[in-house]
N, C-alpha and C. Protein backbone atom coordinates (compact mmCIF):
# COMPACT_ATOMS: atom_id res chain seq x y z
N MET A 1 -17.12 34.78 -20.83
CA MET A 1 -15.74 34.58 -21.27
C MET A 1 -15.02 33.75 -20.22
N ASN A 2 -14.29 32.82 -20.68
CA ASN A 2 -13.53 31.93 -19.80
C ASN A 2 -12.22 32.61 -19.41
N THR A 3 -11.99 32.77 -18.13
CA THR A 3 -10.77 33.44 -17.67
C THR A 3 -9.54 32.55 -17.75
N ASN A 4 -9.72 31.29 -18.04
CA ASN A 4 -8.59 30.38 -18.16
C ASN A 4 -8.03 30.34 -19.58
N THR A 5 -8.64 31.04 -20.49
CA THR A 5 -8.18 31.04 -21.87
C THR A 5 -6.98 31.97 -22.01
N ILE A 6 -5.95 31.46 -22.64
CA ILE A 6 -4.74 32.27 -22.88
C ILE A 6 -4.78 32.74 -24.33
N VAL A 7 -4.68 34.02 -24.49
CA VAL A 7 -4.68 34.59 -25.84
C VAL A 7 -3.22 34.81 -26.25
N THR A 8 -2.87 34.25 -27.36
CA THR A 8 -1.51 34.42 -27.86
C THR A 8 -1.54 35.28 -29.11
N THR A 9 -0.51 36.03 -29.29
CA THR A 9 -0.37 36.85 -30.49
C THR A 9 0.94 36.47 -31.16
N PRO A 10 1.01 36.64 -32.44
CA PRO A 10 2.28 36.33 -33.11
C PRO A 10 3.41 37.18 -32.51
N HIS A 11 4.58 36.54 -32.42
CA HIS A 11 5.74 37.23 -31.85
C HIS A 11 6.16 38.36 -32.79
N ARG A 12 6.24 39.54 -32.27
CA ARG A 12 6.66 40.70 -33.06
C ARG A 12 8.02 41.16 -32.61
N VAL A 13 8.79 41.58 -33.58
CA VAL A 13 10.07 42.20 -33.26
C VAL A 13 9.78 43.67 -33.03
N THR A 14 10.04 44.12 -31.86
CA THR A 14 9.74 45.51 -31.53
C THR A 14 10.99 46.36 -31.68
N ALA A 15 10.75 47.64 -31.76
CA ALA A 15 11.87 48.57 -31.89
C ALA A 15 12.80 48.48 -30.71
N SER A 16 12.25 48.25 -29.53
CA SER A 16 13.11 48.17 -28.34
C SER A 16 14.01 46.95 -28.38
N ARG A 17 13.57 45.86 -29.04
CA ARG A 17 14.42 44.66 -29.14
C ARG A 17 15.53 44.86 -30.16
N LEU A 18 15.32 45.72 -31.15
CA LEU A 18 16.34 45.98 -32.16
C LEU A 18 17.33 47.06 -31.74
N GLU A 19 16.94 47.86 -30.80
CA GLU A 19 17.75 49.01 -30.42
C GLU A 19 19.17 48.62 -30.01
N GLY A 20 19.30 47.63 -29.17
CA GLY A 20 20.62 47.21 -28.70
C GLY A 20 21.53 46.72 -29.81
N PRO A 21 21.08 45.75 -30.65
CA PRO A 21 21.93 45.28 -31.75
C PRO A 21 22.26 46.38 -32.77
N VAL A 22 21.29 47.26 -33.03
CA VAL A 22 21.53 48.35 -33.98
C VAL A 22 22.59 49.30 -33.43
N ARG A 23 22.48 49.63 -32.15
CA ARG A 23 23.49 50.50 -31.52
C ARG A 23 24.86 49.84 -31.52
N THR A 24 24.90 48.55 -31.28
CA THR A 24 26.17 47.82 -31.28
C THR A 24 26.79 47.84 -32.67
N LEU A 25 25.99 47.52 -33.68
CA LEU A 25 26.49 47.52 -35.05
C LEU A 25 26.94 48.91 -35.47
N THR A 26 26.14 49.91 -35.15
CA THR A 26 26.50 51.29 -35.49
C THR A 26 27.81 51.69 -34.81
N GLY A 27 27.96 51.29 -33.57
CA GLY A 27 29.20 51.58 -32.85
C GLY A 27 30.40 50.92 -33.48
N LEU A 28 30.24 49.67 -33.92
CA LEU A 28 31.34 48.97 -34.58
C LEU A 28 31.70 49.64 -35.91
N LEU A 29 30.69 49.99 -36.68
CA LEU A 29 30.94 50.63 -37.98
C LEU A 29 31.58 52.00 -37.82
N ALA A 30 31.23 52.71 -36.76
CA ALA A 30 31.81 54.04 -36.53
C ALA A 30 33.30 53.94 -36.18
N ARG A 31 33.76 52.75 -35.85
CA ARG A 31 35.16 52.57 -35.49
C ARG A 31 36.06 52.30 -36.69
N ILE A 32 35.48 52.26 -37.89
CA ILE A 32 36.31 52.08 -39.08
C ILE A 32 37.22 53.29 -39.16
N PRO A 33 38.53 53.08 -39.17
CA PRO A 33 39.46 54.22 -39.14
C PRO A 33 39.43 55.05 -40.43
N ASP A 34 39.51 56.36 -40.27
CA ASP A 34 39.61 57.25 -41.43
C ASP A 34 40.80 56.87 -42.30
N SER A 35 41.87 56.40 -41.68
CA SER A 35 43.06 56.01 -42.44
C SER A 35 42.78 54.85 -43.39
N LEU A 36 41.93 53.92 -42.98
CA LEU A 36 41.55 52.81 -43.86
C LEU A 36 40.70 53.32 -45.01
N ILE A 37 39.75 54.19 -44.71
CA ILE A 37 38.90 54.78 -45.75
C ILE A 37 39.77 55.57 -46.74
N ALA A 38 40.71 56.35 -46.22
CA ALA A 38 41.60 57.14 -47.07
C ALA A 38 42.47 56.24 -47.94
N PHE A 39 42.97 55.14 -47.37
CA PHE A 39 43.83 54.23 -48.13
C PHE A 39 43.06 53.60 -49.30
N VAL A 40 41.86 53.11 -49.03
CA VAL A 40 41.05 52.52 -50.09
C VAL A 40 40.66 53.59 -51.11
N GLY A 41 40.29 54.77 -50.63
CA GLY A 41 39.94 55.87 -51.53
C GLY A 41 41.11 56.30 -52.39
N ARG A 42 42.30 56.36 -51.79
CA ARG A 42 43.50 56.76 -52.55
C ARG A 42 43.77 55.77 -53.67
N PHE A 43 43.73 54.50 -53.37
CA PHE A 43 44.00 53.48 -54.39
C PHE A 43 42.95 53.55 -55.49
N SER A 44 41.70 53.67 -55.11
CA SER A 44 40.60 53.66 -56.08
C SER A 44 40.64 54.87 -57.00
N ILE A 45 40.75 56.06 -56.43
CA ILE A 45 40.72 57.27 -57.27
C ILE A 45 41.99 57.38 -58.11
N ALA A 46 43.11 56.92 -57.57
CA ALA A 46 44.36 56.92 -58.35
C ALA A 46 44.20 56.02 -59.57
N ALA A 47 43.57 54.86 -59.39
CA ALA A 47 43.38 53.93 -60.50
C ALA A 47 42.51 54.54 -61.60
N VAL A 48 41.47 55.24 -61.21
CA VAL A 48 40.56 55.86 -62.19
C VAL A 48 41.34 56.83 -63.09
N PHE A 49 42.09 57.73 -62.48
CA PHE A 49 42.79 58.74 -63.27
C PHE A 49 44.01 58.16 -63.99
N TRP A 50 44.72 57.24 -63.34
CA TRP A 50 45.89 56.61 -63.98
C TRP A 50 45.46 55.88 -65.25
N LYS A 51 44.38 55.10 -65.16
CA LYS A 51 43.91 54.36 -66.33
C LYS A 51 43.48 55.31 -67.45
N SER A 52 42.87 56.42 -67.09
CA SER A 52 42.51 57.42 -68.09
C SER A 52 43.76 58.00 -68.74
N GLY A 53 44.76 58.30 -67.92
CA GLY A 53 46.02 58.81 -68.46
C GLY A 53 46.71 57.82 -69.38
N GLN A 54 46.61 56.54 -69.04
CA GLN A 54 47.24 55.52 -69.87
C GLN A 54 46.65 55.46 -71.28
N THR A 55 45.38 55.82 -71.41
CA THR A 55 44.76 55.81 -72.74
C THR A 55 45.26 56.96 -73.62
N LYS A 56 45.92 57.92 -73.01
CA LYS A 56 46.38 59.09 -73.74
C LYS A 56 47.83 59.00 -74.19
N ILE A 57 48.53 57.95 -73.78
CA ILE A 57 49.95 57.83 -74.14
C ILE A 57 50.25 56.47 -74.75
N GLN A 58 51.40 56.41 -75.40
CA GLN A 58 51.95 55.17 -75.96
C GLN A 58 53.39 55.04 -75.48
N GLY A 59 53.88 53.82 -75.46
CA GLY A 59 55.29 53.59 -75.14
C GLY A 59 55.56 53.34 -73.67
N PHE A 60 54.60 53.59 -72.82
CA PHE A 60 54.76 53.37 -71.38
C PHE A 60 53.42 52.90 -70.83
N ALA A 61 53.43 51.73 -70.20
CA ALA A 61 52.19 51.20 -69.63
C ALA A 61 52.51 50.48 -68.33
N VAL A 62 51.77 50.81 -67.29
CA VAL A 62 51.87 50.12 -66.01
C VAL A 62 50.45 49.88 -65.51
N ASP A 63 50.10 48.60 -65.43
CA ASP A 63 48.80 48.21 -64.88
C ASP A 63 49.04 47.00 -63.99
N ILE A 64 49.12 47.25 -62.68
CA ILE A 64 49.45 46.17 -61.76
C ILE A 64 48.32 45.14 -61.65
N VAL A 65 47.10 45.53 -61.97
CA VAL A 65 45.99 44.58 -61.89
C VAL A 65 46.03 43.61 -63.06
N SER A 66 46.17 44.12 -64.27
CA SER A 66 46.20 43.24 -65.45
C SER A 66 47.56 42.63 -65.69
N GLY A 67 48.59 43.21 -65.07
CA GLY A 67 49.95 42.70 -65.26
C GLY A 67 50.64 43.24 -66.50
N GLU A 68 50.10 44.30 -67.07
CA GLU A 68 50.72 44.90 -68.26
C GLU A 68 51.80 45.89 -67.85
N PHE A 69 53.01 45.67 -68.36
CA PHE A 69 54.12 46.56 -68.08
C PHE A 69 54.90 46.79 -69.36
N GLN A 70 55.07 48.06 -69.71
CA GLN A 70 55.86 48.44 -70.87
C GLN A 70 56.64 49.68 -70.46
N PHE A 71 57.94 49.54 -70.37
CA PHE A 71 58.77 50.65 -69.88
C PHE A 71 59.56 51.28 -71.01
N GLY A 72 58.86 51.98 -71.87
CA GLY A 72 59.49 52.73 -72.93
C GLY A 72 59.36 54.22 -72.65
N VAL A 73 59.72 54.99 -73.64
CA VAL A 73 59.59 56.44 -73.52
C VAL A 73 58.15 56.82 -73.85
N PRO A 74 57.45 57.44 -72.89
CA PRO A 74 56.05 57.78 -73.16
C PRO A 74 55.93 58.93 -74.15
N ARG A 75 54.92 58.85 -74.99
CA ARG A 75 54.56 59.93 -75.89
C ARG A 75 53.06 59.93 -76.06
N LEU A 76 52.52 61.06 -76.47
CA LEU A 76 51.08 61.16 -76.66
C LEU A 76 50.61 60.17 -77.73
N SER A 77 49.47 59.57 -77.50
CA SER A 77 48.86 58.71 -78.51
C SER A 77 48.52 59.55 -79.74
N ASP A 78 48.53 58.91 -80.88
CA ASP A 78 48.28 59.63 -82.13
C ASP A 78 46.91 60.31 -82.15
N SER A 79 45.93 59.73 -81.47
CA SER A 79 44.56 60.24 -81.56
C SER A 79 44.17 61.20 -80.44
N VAL A 80 45.06 61.44 -79.47
CA VAL A 80 44.63 62.17 -78.29
C VAL A 80 44.37 63.66 -78.55
N VAL A 81 45.14 64.30 -79.39
CA VAL A 81 44.90 65.71 -79.69
C VAL A 81 43.56 65.85 -80.43
N ALA A 82 43.29 64.93 -81.33
CA ALA A 82 42.01 64.95 -82.04
C ALA A 82 40.85 64.72 -81.06
N LEU A 83 41.05 63.88 -80.06
CA LEU A 83 40.03 63.65 -79.04
C LEU A 83 39.71 64.95 -78.30
N PHE A 84 40.74 65.67 -77.95
CA PHE A 84 40.53 66.95 -77.25
C PHE A 84 39.90 67.99 -78.17
N ARG A 85 40.28 67.97 -79.43
CA ARG A 85 39.74 68.95 -80.38
C ARG A 85 38.29 68.63 -80.76
N ASP A 86 37.99 67.36 -81.05
CA ASP A 86 36.69 67.00 -81.61
C ASP A 86 35.64 66.61 -80.58
N GLU A 87 36.06 65.96 -79.48
CA GLU A 87 35.06 65.50 -78.51
C GLU A 87 35.04 66.36 -77.25
N TYR A 88 36.19 66.60 -76.65
CA TYR A 88 36.23 67.34 -75.37
C TYR A 88 35.96 68.82 -75.57
N ARG A 89 36.55 69.43 -76.61
CA ARG A 89 36.31 70.83 -76.97
C ARG A 89 36.35 71.79 -75.79
N LEU A 90 37.45 71.78 -75.06
CA LEU A 90 37.58 72.69 -73.92
C LEU A 90 37.72 74.13 -74.40
N PRO A 91 37.01 75.04 -73.78
CA PRO A 91 37.19 76.45 -74.15
C PRO A 91 38.48 76.98 -73.54
N LEU A 92 39.06 77.97 -74.14
CA LEU A 92 40.23 78.70 -73.64
C LEU A 92 41.56 77.95 -73.75
N VAL A 93 41.56 76.64 -73.80
CA VAL A 93 42.81 75.88 -73.86
C VAL A 93 42.86 75.11 -75.17
N PRO A 94 43.86 75.40 -76.00
CA PRO A 94 43.97 74.68 -77.27
C PRO A 94 44.20 73.18 -77.03
N PRO A 95 43.68 72.32 -77.90
CA PRO A 95 43.83 70.88 -77.72
C PRO A 95 45.29 70.43 -77.70
N GLU A 96 46.15 71.16 -78.41
CA GLU A 96 47.58 70.82 -78.42
C GLU A 96 48.24 71.06 -77.06
N VAL A 97 47.64 71.90 -76.25
CA VAL A 97 48.13 72.16 -74.89
C VAL A 97 47.38 71.29 -73.88
N ALA A 98 46.08 71.19 -74.03
CA ALA A 98 45.26 70.45 -73.08
C ALA A 98 45.60 68.96 -73.05
N ALA A 99 45.85 68.37 -74.20
CA ALA A 99 46.10 66.93 -74.27
C ALA A 99 47.35 66.52 -73.48
N PRO A 100 48.50 67.14 -73.73
CA PRO A 100 49.67 66.74 -72.93
C PRO A 100 49.55 67.10 -71.45
N LEU A 101 48.90 68.23 -71.14
CA LEU A 101 48.70 68.59 -69.74
C LEU A 101 47.84 67.56 -69.02
N ALA A 102 46.76 67.14 -69.66
CA ALA A 102 45.88 66.14 -69.05
C ALA A 102 46.60 64.81 -68.89
N ALA A 103 47.34 64.39 -69.90
CA ALA A 103 48.07 63.12 -69.82
C ALA A 103 49.09 63.17 -68.68
N PHE A 104 49.78 64.28 -68.54
CA PHE A 104 50.76 64.44 -67.47
C PHE A 104 50.08 64.44 -66.10
N ALA A 105 49.00 65.23 -65.98
CA ALA A 105 48.29 65.32 -64.71
C ALA A 105 47.69 63.99 -64.29
N GLU A 106 47.18 63.24 -65.27
CA GLU A 106 46.55 61.95 -64.97
C GLU A 106 47.57 60.86 -64.61
N HIS A 107 48.83 61.18 -64.72
CA HIS A 107 49.87 60.26 -64.24
C HIS A 107 50.51 60.77 -62.95
N LEU A 108 50.83 62.05 -62.90
CA LEU A 108 51.51 62.60 -61.73
C LEU A 108 50.64 62.57 -60.48
N PHE A 109 49.46 63.16 -60.54
CA PHE A 109 48.63 63.28 -59.33
C PHE A 109 48.14 61.94 -58.79
N PRO A 110 47.75 60.99 -59.64
CA PRO A 110 47.41 59.67 -59.08
C PRO A 110 48.60 58.99 -58.40
N LEU A 111 49.78 59.13 -58.98
CA LEU A 111 50.97 58.54 -58.35
C LEU A 111 51.21 59.16 -56.98
N LEU A 112 51.13 60.48 -56.89
CA LEU A 112 51.31 61.15 -55.60
C LEU A 112 50.23 60.72 -54.60
N ILE A 113 48.99 60.63 -55.04
CA ILE A 113 47.91 60.21 -54.15
C ILE A 113 48.13 58.78 -53.68
N LEU A 114 48.54 57.92 -54.57
CA LEU A 114 48.78 56.52 -54.20
C LEU A 114 49.87 56.42 -53.14
N LEU A 115 50.92 57.21 -53.29
CA LEU A 115 52.01 57.23 -52.31
C LEU A 115 51.62 57.97 -51.03
N GLY A 116 50.58 58.77 -51.12
CA GLY A 116 50.20 59.58 -49.97
C GLY A 116 51.17 60.73 -49.78
N LEU A 117 51.61 61.31 -50.88
CA LEU A 117 52.57 62.42 -50.85
C LEU A 117 51.92 63.63 -51.53
N ALA A 118 51.86 64.73 -50.81
CA ALA A 118 51.16 65.93 -51.31
C ALA A 118 49.72 65.57 -51.67
N THR A 119 49.12 64.78 -50.83
CA THR A 119 47.80 64.22 -51.12
C THR A 119 46.73 65.29 -51.28
N ARG A 120 46.69 66.23 -50.34
CA ARG A 120 45.64 67.26 -50.42
C ARG A 120 45.80 68.10 -51.69
N PHE A 121 47.01 68.51 -52.00
CA PHE A 121 47.28 69.29 -53.21
C PHE A 121 46.88 68.49 -54.45
N SER A 122 47.26 67.22 -54.50
CA SER A 122 46.94 66.37 -55.65
C SER A 122 45.44 66.16 -55.78
N ALA A 123 44.76 65.98 -54.64
CA ALA A 123 43.31 65.80 -54.66
C ALA A 123 42.61 67.06 -55.17
N VAL A 124 43.11 68.23 -54.78
CA VAL A 124 42.54 69.48 -55.29
C VAL A 124 42.70 69.54 -56.81
N ALA A 125 43.89 69.19 -57.30
CA ALA A 125 44.13 69.21 -58.75
C ALA A 125 43.17 68.27 -59.48
N LEU A 126 42.98 67.06 -58.95
CA LEU A 126 42.08 66.12 -59.61
C LEU A 126 40.62 66.51 -59.45
N LEU A 127 40.29 67.20 -58.36
CA LEU A 127 38.93 67.71 -58.20
C LEU A 127 38.64 68.79 -59.24
N VAL A 128 39.60 69.66 -59.49
CA VAL A 128 39.45 70.69 -60.54
C VAL A 128 39.27 70.01 -61.89
N MET A 129 40.05 68.98 -62.15
CA MET A 129 39.92 68.24 -63.40
C MET A 129 38.54 67.58 -63.49
N THR A 130 38.09 66.99 -62.39
CA THR A 130 36.76 66.35 -62.36
C THR A 130 35.66 67.37 -62.64
N MET A 131 35.75 68.53 -62.01
CA MET A 131 34.73 69.56 -62.22
C MET A 131 34.76 70.07 -63.67
N THR A 132 35.94 70.18 -64.24
CA THR A 132 36.06 70.59 -65.64
C THR A 132 35.39 69.58 -66.55
N ILE A 133 35.67 68.30 -66.30
CA ILE A 133 35.06 67.24 -67.11
C ILE A 133 33.54 67.28 -66.95
N GLN A 134 33.09 67.42 -65.71
CA GLN A 134 31.65 67.43 -65.44
C GLN A 134 30.95 68.60 -66.11
N LEU A 135 31.51 69.78 -65.94
CA LEU A 135 30.83 70.99 -66.42
C LEU A 135 30.99 71.23 -67.91
N LEU A 136 32.13 70.82 -68.48
CA LEU A 136 32.41 71.20 -69.87
C LEU A 136 32.44 70.05 -70.87
N VAL A 137 32.62 68.83 -70.39
CA VAL A 137 32.81 67.72 -71.33
C VAL A 137 31.65 66.72 -71.28
N TYR A 138 31.40 66.15 -70.10
CA TYR A 138 30.38 65.11 -69.95
C TYR A 138 29.41 65.48 -68.83
N PRO A 139 28.52 66.44 -69.05
CA PRO A 139 27.61 66.87 -67.99
C PRO A 139 26.62 65.79 -67.54
N ASP A 140 26.36 64.80 -68.37
CA ASP A 140 25.43 63.74 -67.97
C ASP A 140 26.08 62.67 -67.11
N ALA A 141 27.36 62.77 -66.88
CA ALA A 141 28.08 61.75 -66.11
C ALA A 141 28.20 62.12 -64.63
N TYR A 142 27.25 62.92 -64.15
CA TYR A 142 27.32 63.38 -62.74
C TYR A 142 27.32 62.25 -61.72
N PRO A 143 26.67 61.09 -61.93
CA PRO A 143 26.79 60.05 -60.90
C PRO A 143 28.23 59.58 -60.71
N THR A 144 28.93 59.37 -61.80
CA THR A 144 30.34 58.95 -61.72
C THR A 144 31.20 60.06 -61.14
N HIS A 145 31.04 61.26 -61.65
CA HIS A 145 31.87 62.38 -61.18
C HIS A 145 31.55 62.73 -59.74
N GLY A 146 30.33 62.51 -59.31
CA GLY A 146 29.98 62.74 -57.91
C GLY A 146 30.73 61.80 -56.98
N VAL A 147 30.87 60.56 -57.40
CA VAL A 147 31.65 59.60 -56.59
C VAL A 147 33.11 60.02 -56.54
N TRP A 148 33.66 60.40 -57.68
CA TRP A 148 35.06 60.86 -57.71
C TRP A 148 35.23 62.06 -56.78
N ALA A 149 34.33 63.02 -56.90
CA ALA A 149 34.42 64.24 -56.08
C ALA A 149 34.32 63.90 -54.60
N THR A 150 33.48 62.95 -54.25
CA THR A 150 33.34 62.57 -52.84
C THR A 150 34.65 62.02 -52.29
N VAL A 151 35.28 61.14 -53.02
CA VAL A 151 36.57 60.58 -52.58
C VAL A 151 37.61 61.69 -52.48
N LEU A 152 37.67 62.54 -53.47
CA LEU A 152 38.67 63.62 -53.48
C LEU A 152 38.41 64.62 -52.35
N LEU A 153 37.15 64.94 -52.10
CA LEU A 153 36.83 65.85 -50.98
C LEU A 153 37.21 65.22 -49.63
N PHE A 154 37.01 63.92 -49.48
CA PHE A 154 37.43 63.24 -48.25
C PHE A 154 38.94 63.39 -48.07
N LEU A 155 39.70 63.16 -49.14
CA LEU A 155 41.17 63.28 -49.05
C LEU A 155 41.60 64.72 -48.78
N ILE A 156 40.90 65.68 -49.34
CA ILE A 156 41.21 67.09 -49.09
C ILE A 156 40.94 67.42 -47.62
N ALA A 157 39.82 66.96 -47.11
CA ALA A 157 39.42 67.30 -45.74
C ALA A 157 40.20 66.53 -44.69
N LYS A 158 40.43 65.25 -44.91
CA LYS A 158 41.03 64.38 -43.89
C LYS A 158 42.49 64.07 -44.12
N GLY A 159 42.97 64.25 -45.34
CA GLY A 159 44.35 63.90 -45.64
C GLY A 159 44.49 62.44 -46.02
N ALA A 160 45.72 62.02 -46.21
CA ALA A 160 46.02 60.67 -46.71
C ALA A 160 45.92 59.59 -45.66
N GLY A 161 45.95 59.96 -44.39
CA GLY A 161 45.87 58.97 -43.33
C GLY A 161 47.23 58.45 -42.89
N THR A 162 47.18 57.48 -42.01
CA THR A 162 48.39 56.94 -41.38
C THR A 162 49.30 56.23 -42.36
N PHE A 163 48.72 55.54 -43.34
CA PHE A 163 49.51 54.75 -44.28
C PHE A 163 49.94 55.60 -45.47
N SER A 164 50.76 56.63 -45.19
CA SER A 164 51.13 57.56 -46.25
C SER A 164 52.47 58.23 -45.95
N LEU A 165 53.09 58.73 -47.00
CA LEU A 165 54.32 59.51 -46.82
C LEU A 165 54.01 60.84 -46.15
N ASP A 166 52.84 61.41 -46.43
CA ASP A 166 52.44 62.64 -45.75
C ASP A 166 52.48 62.46 -44.24
N HIS A 167 51.98 61.33 -43.77
CA HIS A 167 51.95 61.06 -42.33
C HIS A 167 53.37 60.94 -41.77
N LEU A 168 54.23 60.23 -42.50
CA LEU A 168 55.63 60.08 -42.05
C LEU A 168 56.34 61.43 -41.99
N ILE A 169 56.12 62.25 -42.99
CA ILE A 169 56.75 63.58 -43.03
C ILE A 169 56.22 64.44 -41.89
N ALA A 170 54.92 64.40 -41.67
CA ALA A 170 54.32 65.20 -40.59
C ALA A 170 54.87 64.76 -39.24
N ARG A 171 55.02 63.46 -39.04
CA ARG A 171 55.58 62.96 -37.77
C ARG A 171 57.03 63.41 -37.59
N ARG A 172 57.77 63.44 -38.67
CA ARG A 172 59.18 63.82 -38.62
C ARG A 172 59.33 65.28 -38.19
N PHE A 173 58.43 66.14 -38.64
CA PHE A 173 58.54 67.56 -38.37
C PHE A 173 57.56 68.04 -37.29
N ASP A 174 56.91 67.12 -36.62
CA ASP A 174 55.98 67.48 -35.54
C ASP A 174 56.77 68.07 -34.38
N PRO A 175 56.39 69.25 -33.89
CA PRO A 175 57.15 69.88 -32.82
C PRO A 175 56.95 69.24 -31.45
N LYS A 176 56.02 68.28 -31.32
CA LYS A 176 55.80 67.64 -30.03
C LYS A 176 57.02 66.80 -29.66
N PRO A 177 57.33 66.73 -28.34
CA PRO A 177 58.48 65.90 -27.93
C PRO A 177 58.24 64.44 -28.11
């Protein structure tokens, strides 16, 4: 064997070469503020329930994305009680009661969450609604409801974040000097 022969091997990316960049990237991603996550989550989950509520009423429509605005007196859509009676079929609650309650809840709680006011309470209410839908109405929709529940659980656990009325109120009444 010739000792002057140089054996080369293809350049491999080793775990030790990736460790530094991976740690750097992980460190940067870990710095994403909870308040930003909460803000995006609040807007997203509010839109889901608001849009659902809008399908249950007539005479009042607000959709800032599509630009649809109708400021009349809201009333239940003609078909919504039948929807609750024939498709949703909730036990214990008559459709004549469930329909207006759902329409009201799907407007009030998203609005509060969007403003960041009574966020944890509103998120609990929408989580109960999500679990009701999942368990009693659309059990096969668990991927969608799981995402909703995740956002709502984050808001319950962490609150609305810095960009919220909850934060302003808490700062106002904080006993620290």
